Amino acid sequence: MAIEVGQRLLHYRLTAKIGEGGMGEVWSAVDTTLDREVAIKVLPERWADEAERVQRFEREAKVVAGLNHPNIVTLRSVEQAEGVHFRSCFTCLPLLTTTGRGLRS
C-alpha cells in the first residue's frame, strides 16, 4: 500500500512526509483521538513481509522506548494497520517544520 497525505492509519491522519532513511519513512500526523501532532515512522512496504526487517523495526522501537532525554522523541505506540507497520512518537514537530531547520541547525 502506498502511503500518502490524508491517509489514516488507525486514528492517525497523515499530514506531511518529513523524510526517509534506512529503516523507513517519517510522517507528520495528527492523533485524532488526542488531537495532538505526532510523528509516525513507517516500515517500507517492500519489507512488511520480511520477518527479520519487522523484528529489527520492533527492536529499534524498544530501544527508543527505553531512552529518556529531552532531545529524543517519546515513543507512544507500535502498531500495524492494513499491512503497514508503524510507530508513533510525541515530538516537537512544530519547531522543526515551521523553521525549516533540521536538528543540526
N, C-alpha and C. Protein backbone atom coordinates (compact mmCIF):
# COMPACT_ATOMS: atom_id res chain seq x y z
N MET A 1 0.83 -1.17 0.00
CA MET A 1 0.00 0.00 0.00
C MET A 1 0.88 1.24 0.00
N ALA A 2 0.66 2.13 -0.93
CA ALA A 2 1.39 3.39 -0.98
C ALA A 2 0.85 4.31 0.11
N ILE A 3 1.75 4.96 0.80
CA ILE A 3 1.37 5.89 1.87
C ILE A 3 1.27 7.29 1.25
N GLU A 4 0.21 8.02 1.63
CA GLU A 4 0.04 9.36 1.07
C GLU A 4 -0.60 10.30 2.07
N VAL A 5 -0.44 11.59 1.83
CA VAL A 5 -1.02 12.63 2.67
C VAL A 5 -2.53 12.43 2.76
N GLY A 6 -3.07 12.58 3.96
CA GLY A 6 -4.50 12.44 4.19
C GLY A 6 -4.93 11.03 4.56
N GLN A 7 -4.05 10.07 4.33
CA GLN A 7 -4.37 8.68 4.66
C GLN A 7 -4.49 8.52 6.18
N ARG A 8 -5.32 7.59 6.59
CA ARG A 8 -5.47 7.27 8.02
C ARG A 8 -4.85 5.90 8.30
N LEU A 9 -4.10 5.85 9.36
CA LEU A 9 -3.61 4.60 9.92
C LEU A 9 -4.17 4.55 11.34
N LEU A 10 -5.16 3.70 11.54
CA LEU A 10 -5.93 3.67 12.78
C LEU A 10 -6.49 5.06 13.05
N HIS A 11 -6.12 5.68 14.17
CA HIS A 11 -6.65 7.01 14.48
C HIS A 11 -5.64 8.13 14.19
N TYR A 12 -4.68 7.85 13.34
CA TYR A 12 -3.69 8.85 12.94
C TYR A 12 -3.98 9.29 11.51
N ARG A 13 -4.03 10.60 11.28
CA ARG A 13 -4.21 11.14 9.93
C ARG A 13 -2.88 11.75 9.48
N LEU A 14 -2.31 11.21 8.41
CA LEU A 14 -1.01 11.67 7.91
C LEU A 14 -1.17 13.03 7.25
N THR A 15 -0.29 13.97 7.62
CA THR A 15 -0.40 15.34 7.10
C THR A 15 0.75 15.74 6.19
N ALA A 16 1.94 15.18 6.37
CA ALA A 16 3.08 15.53 5.51
C ALA A 16 4.20 14.52 5.69
N LYS A 17 4.90 14.23 4.63
CA LYS A 17 6.09 13.39 4.73
C LYS A 17 7.24 14.29 5.14
N ILE A 18 7.92 13.89 6.22
CA ILE A 18 9.02 14.69 6.75
C ILE A 18 10.35 14.24 6.15
N GLY A 19 10.51 12.92 5.99
CA GLY A 19 11.77 12.42 5.46
C GLY A 19 11.78 10.91 5.41
N GLU A 20 12.91 10.36 4.99
CA GLU A 20 13.05 8.92 4.97
C GLU A 20 14.51 8.55 5.16
N GLY A 21 14.71 7.32 5.63
CA GLY A 21 16.04 6.84 5.89
C GLY A 21 16.11 5.35 5.70
N GLY A 22 17.12 4.74 6.27
CA GLY A 22 17.36 3.32 6.08
C GLY A 22 16.26 2.40 6.60
N MET A 23 15.57 2.80 7.66
CA MET A 23 14.55 1.93 8.25
C MET A 23 13.13 2.40 8.00
N GLY A 24 12.93 3.43 7.21
CA GLY A 24 11.56 3.82 6.92
C GLY A 24 11.36 5.27 6.60
N GLU A 25 10.09 5.62 6.48
CA GLU A 25 9.67 6.99 6.20
C GLU A 25 9.09 7.59 7.48
N VAL A 26 9.30 8.89 7.66
CA VAL A 26 8.75 9.58 8.81
C VAL A 26 7.72 10.59 8.31
N TRP A 27 6.56 10.56 8.93
CA TRP A 27 5.44 11.41 8.56
C TRP A 27 4.99 12.24 9.75
N SER A 28 4.55 13.44 9.48
CA SER A 28 3.83 14.24 10.46
C SER A 28 2.39 13.76 10.40
N ALA A 29 1.76 13.64 11.56
CA ALA A 29 0.38 13.15 11.60
C ALA A 29 -0.35 13.77 12.78
N VAL A 30 -1.66 13.64 12.74
CA VAL A 30 -2.49 14.09 13.86
C VAL A 30 -3.11 12.86 14.50
N ASP A 31 -2.93 12.73 15.80
CA ASP A 31 -3.63 11.70 16.57
C ASP A 31 -5.03 12.24 16.77
N THR A 32 -6.01 11.69 16.05
CA THR A 32 -7.36 12.23 16.09
C THR A 32 -8.09 11.93 17.39
N THR A 33 -7.57 11.00 18.17
CA THR A 33 -8.16 10.71 19.48
C THR A 33 -7.76 11.78 20.49
N LEU A 34 -6.48 12.14 20.50
CA LEU A 34 -5.96 13.12 21.47
C LEU A 34 -5.85 14.53 20.90
N ASP A 35 -6.13 14.68 19.59
CA ASP A 35 -5.98 15.96 18.90
C ASP A 35 -4.60 16.53 19.16
N ARG A 36 -3.61 15.72 18.81
CA ARG A 36 -2.22 16.07 19.08
C ARG A 36 -1.36 15.70 17.88
N GLU A 37 -0.37 16.56 17.57
CA GLU A 37 0.53 16.28 16.48
C GLU A 37 1.57 15.25 16.93
N VAL A 38 1.82 14.29 16.06
CA VAL A 38 2.79 13.23 16.35
C VAL A 38 3.64 12.98 15.11
N ALA A 39 4.69 12.23 15.30
CA ALA A 39 5.49 11.73 14.17
C ALA A 39 5.18 10.25 14.04
N ILE A 40 5.06 9.80 12.81
CA ILE A 40 4.80 8.39 12.52
C ILE A 40 5.96 7.87 11.69
N LYS A 41 6.59 6.81 12.14
CA LYS A 41 7.64 6.16 11.35
C LYS A 41 7.05 4.89 10.77
N VAL A 42 7.13 4.75 9.46
CA VAL A 42 6.52 3.65 8.74
C VAL A 42 7.60 2.75 8.15
N LEU A 43 7.47 1.45 8.39
CA LEU A 43 8.36 0.47 7.76
C LEU A 43 7.97 0.39 6.29
N PRO A 44 8.92 0.52 5.36
CA PRO A 44 8.57 0.48 3.94
C PRO A 44 7.82 -0.80 3.56
N GLU A 45 6.88 -0.63 2.65
CA GLU A 45 6.03 -1.74 2.20
C GLU A 45 6.85 -2.93 1.70
N ARG A 46 7.96 -2.66 1.05
CA ARG A 46 8.78 -3.74 0.50
C ARG A 46 9.33 -4.67 1.58
N TRP A 47 9.35 -4.20 2.84
CA TRP A 47 9.87 -5.01 3.94
C TRP A 47 8.79 -5.54 4.87
N ALA A 48 7.55 -5.21 4.62
CA ALA A 48 6.46 -5.57 5.53
C ALA A 48 6.29 -7.08 5.70
N ASP A 49 6.69 -7.85 4.69
CA ASP A 49 6.55 -9.31 4.77
C ASP A 49 7.84 -10.02 5.15
N GLU A 50 8.89 -9.25 5.42
CA GLU A 50 10.18 -9.83 5.82
C GLU A 50 10.28 -9.83 7.35
N ALA A 51 10.17 -11.02 7.93
CA ALA A 51 10.15 -11.15 9.39
C ALA A 51 11.37 -10.49 10.04
N GLU A 52 12.55 -10.63 9.44
CA GLU A 52 13.75 -10.05 10.04
C GLU A 52 13.66 -8.52 10.07
N ARG A 53 13.15 -7.90 9.02
CA ARG A 53 13.01 -6.44 8.97
C ARG A 53 11.98 -5.96 9.99
N VAL A 54 10.87 -6.67 10.10
CA VAL A 54 9.83 -6.31 11.07
C VAL A 54 10.41 -6.42 12.48
N GLN A 55 11.15 -7.48 12.77
CA GLN A 55 11.75 -7.64 14.09
C GLN A 55 12.75 -6.54 14.38
N ARG A 56 13.53 -6.15 13.39
CA ARG A 56 14.51 -5.07 13.56
C ARG A 56 13.79 -3.75 13.86
N PHE A 57 12.70 -3.50 13.14
CA PHE A 57 11.89 -2.30 13.35
C PHE A 57 11.34 -2.28 14.78
N GLU A 58 10.86 -3.43 15.26
CA GLU A 58 10.33 -3.53 16.62
C GLU A 58 11.43 -3.39 17.67
N ARG A 59 12.62 -3.96 17.40
CA ARG A 59 13.74 -3.82 18.34
C ARG A 59 14.16 -2.35 18.43
N GLU A 60 14.22 -1.68 17.29
CA GLU A 60 14.58 -0.27 17.30
C GLU A 60 13.58 0.52 18.15
N ALA A 61 12.30 0.18 18.06
CA ALA A 61 11.27 0.85 18.86
C ALA A 61 11.50 0.61 20.35
N LYS A 62 11.86 -0.61 20.72
CA LYS A 62 12.11 -0.92 22.13
C LYS A 62 13.30 -0.14 22.67
N VAL A 63 14.32 0.04 21.85
CA VAL A 63 15.49 0.83 22.27
C VAL A 63 15.06 2.28 22.50
N VAL A 64 14.32 2.84 21.56
CA VAL A 64 13.85 4.23 21.69
C VAL A 64 12.97 4.37 22.93
N ALA A 65 12.11 3.40 23.18
CA ALA A 65 11.21 3.45 24.34
C ALA A 65 11.98 3.46 25.66
N GLY A 66 13.18 2.90 25.66
CA GLY A 66 13.98 2.84 26.88
C GLY A 66 14.79 4.10 27.14
N LEU A 67 14.76 5.03 26.20
CA LEU A 67 15.54 6.26 26.35
C LEU A 67 14.69 7.37 26.97
N ASN A 68 15.33 8.19 27.75
CA ASN A 68 14.64 9.32 28.38
C ASN A 68 15.57 10.53 28.33
N HIS A 69 15.33 11.39 27.35
CA HIS A 69 16.17 12.57 27.17
C HIS A 69 15.33 13.65 26.47
N PRO A 70 15.50 14.91 26.85
CA PRO A 70 14.67 15.96 26.25
C PRO A 70 14.87 16.13 24.73
N ASN A 71 15.99 15.67 24.19
CA ASN A 71 16.25 15.81 22.76
C ASN A 71 15.91 14.55 21.97
N ILE A 72 15.23 13.60 22.59
CA ILE A 72 14.84 12.36 21.92
C ILE A 72 13.32 12.22 22.01
N VAL A 73 12.70 11.81 20.92
CA VAL A 73 11.25 11.65 20.91
C VAL A 73 10.80 10.63 21.95
N THR A 74 9.57 10.76 22.38
CA THR A 74 8.96 9.81 23.31
C THR A 74 8.08 8.86 22.50
N LEU A 75 8.41 7.59 22.52
CA LEU A 75 7.64 6.60 21.78
C LEU A 75 6.27 6.43 22.43
N ARG A 76 5.23 6.47 21.61
CA ARG A 76 3.87 6.32 22.11
C ARG A 76 3.33 4.92 21.86
N SER A 77 3.53 4.38 20.66
CA SER A 77 2.99 3.07 20.35
C SER A 77 3.68 2.44 19.15
N VAL A 78 3.54 1.13 19.05
CA VAL A 78 3.96 0.37 17.88
C VAL A 78 2.70 -0.32 17.37
N GLU A 79 2.38 -0.10 16.10
CA GLU A 79 1.09 -0.54 15.57
C GLU A 79 1.25 -1.23 14.21
N GLN A 80 0.15 -1.83 13.78
CA GLN A 80 0.04 -2.36 12.43
C GLN A 80 -1.41 -2.17 11.99
N ALA A 81 -1.57 -1.63 10.78
CA ALA A 81 -2.90 -1.43 10.22
C ALA A 81 -2.82 -1.61 8.71
N GLU A 82 -3.73 -2.39 8.17
CA GLU A 82 -3.79 -2.62 6.73
C GLU A 82 -2.45 -3.08 6.17
N GLY A 83 -1.72 -3.89 6.93
CA GLY A 83 -0.44 -4.41 6.49
C GLY A 83 0.72 -3.44 6.63
N VAL A 84 0.48 -2.27 7.21
CA VAL A 84 1.52 -1.26 7.39
C VAL A 84 2.01 -1.32 8.84
N HIS A 85 3.31 -1.52 9.02
CA HIS A 85 3.92 -1.50 10.35
C HIS A 85 4.38 -0.07 10.62
N PHE A 86 4.02 0.48 11.79
CA PHE A 86 4.43 1.84 12.10
C PHE A 86 4.49 2.05 13.59
N ARG A 87 5.10 3.16 13.98
CA ARG A 87 5.11 3.55 15.39
C ARG A 87 4.90 5.05 15.46
N SER A 88 4.33 5.47 16.56
CA SER A 88 4.06 6.89 16.74
C SER A 88 4.87 7.42 17.90
N CYS A 89 5.26 8.68 17.77
CA CYS A 89 6.06 9.35 18.79
C CYS A 89 5.53 10.75 19.02
N PHE A 90 5.50 11.16 20.28
CA PHE A 90 5.24 12.56 20.57
C PHE A 90 6.53 13.29 20.26
N THR A 91 6.43 14.47 19.70
CA THR A 91 7.64 15.15 19.25
C THR A 91 7.43 16.65 19.21
N CYS A 92 8.49 17.35 18.92
CA CYS A 92 8.44 18.81 18.80
C CYS A 92 8.38 19.18 17.32
N LEU A 93 7.51 18.53 16.56
CA LEU A 93 7.41 18.78 15.12
C LEU A 93 7.16 20.24 14.75
N PRO A 94 6.34 20.99 15.48
CA PRO A 94 6.12 22.38 15.05
C PRO A 94 7.42 23.17 14.96
N LEU A 95 8.34 22.95 15.87
CA LEU A 95 9.62 23.65 15.83
C LEU A 95 10.39 23.29 14.57
N LEU A 96 10.45 22.00 14.24
CA LEU A 96 11.22 21.57 13.08
C LEU A 96 10.56 21.95 11.77
N THR A 97 9.26 21.86 11.68
CA THR A 97 8.59 22.09 10.40
C THR A 97 8.33 23.56 10.13
N THR A 98 8.19 24.39 11.15
CA THR A 98 7.92 25.80 10.88
C THR A 98 9.21 26.57 10.64
N THR A 99 10.30 26.14 11.22
CA THR A 99 11.56 26.85 11.00
C THR A 99 12.25 26.37 9.73
N GLY A 100 11.90 25.17 9.28
CA GLY A 100 12.55 24.62 8.10
C GLY A 100 13.96 24.17 8.37
N ARG A 101 14.33 24.12 9.65
CA ARG A 101 15.68 23.72 10.03
C ARG A 101 15.66 22.34 10.61
N GLY A 102 16.71 21.60 10.37
CA GLY A 102 16.84 20.26 10.93
C GLY A 102 17.43 20.31 12.32
N LEU A 103 17.66 19.16 12.89
CA LEU A 103 18.19 19.07 14.24
C LEU A 103 19.61 19.60 14.36
N ARG A 104 20.39 19.55 13.29
CA ARG A 104 21.77 20.02 13.35
C ARG A 104 21.86 21.54 13.34
N SER A 105 20.78 22.21 12.97
CA SER A 105 20.82 23.68 12.86
C SER A 105 20.93 24.30 14.20
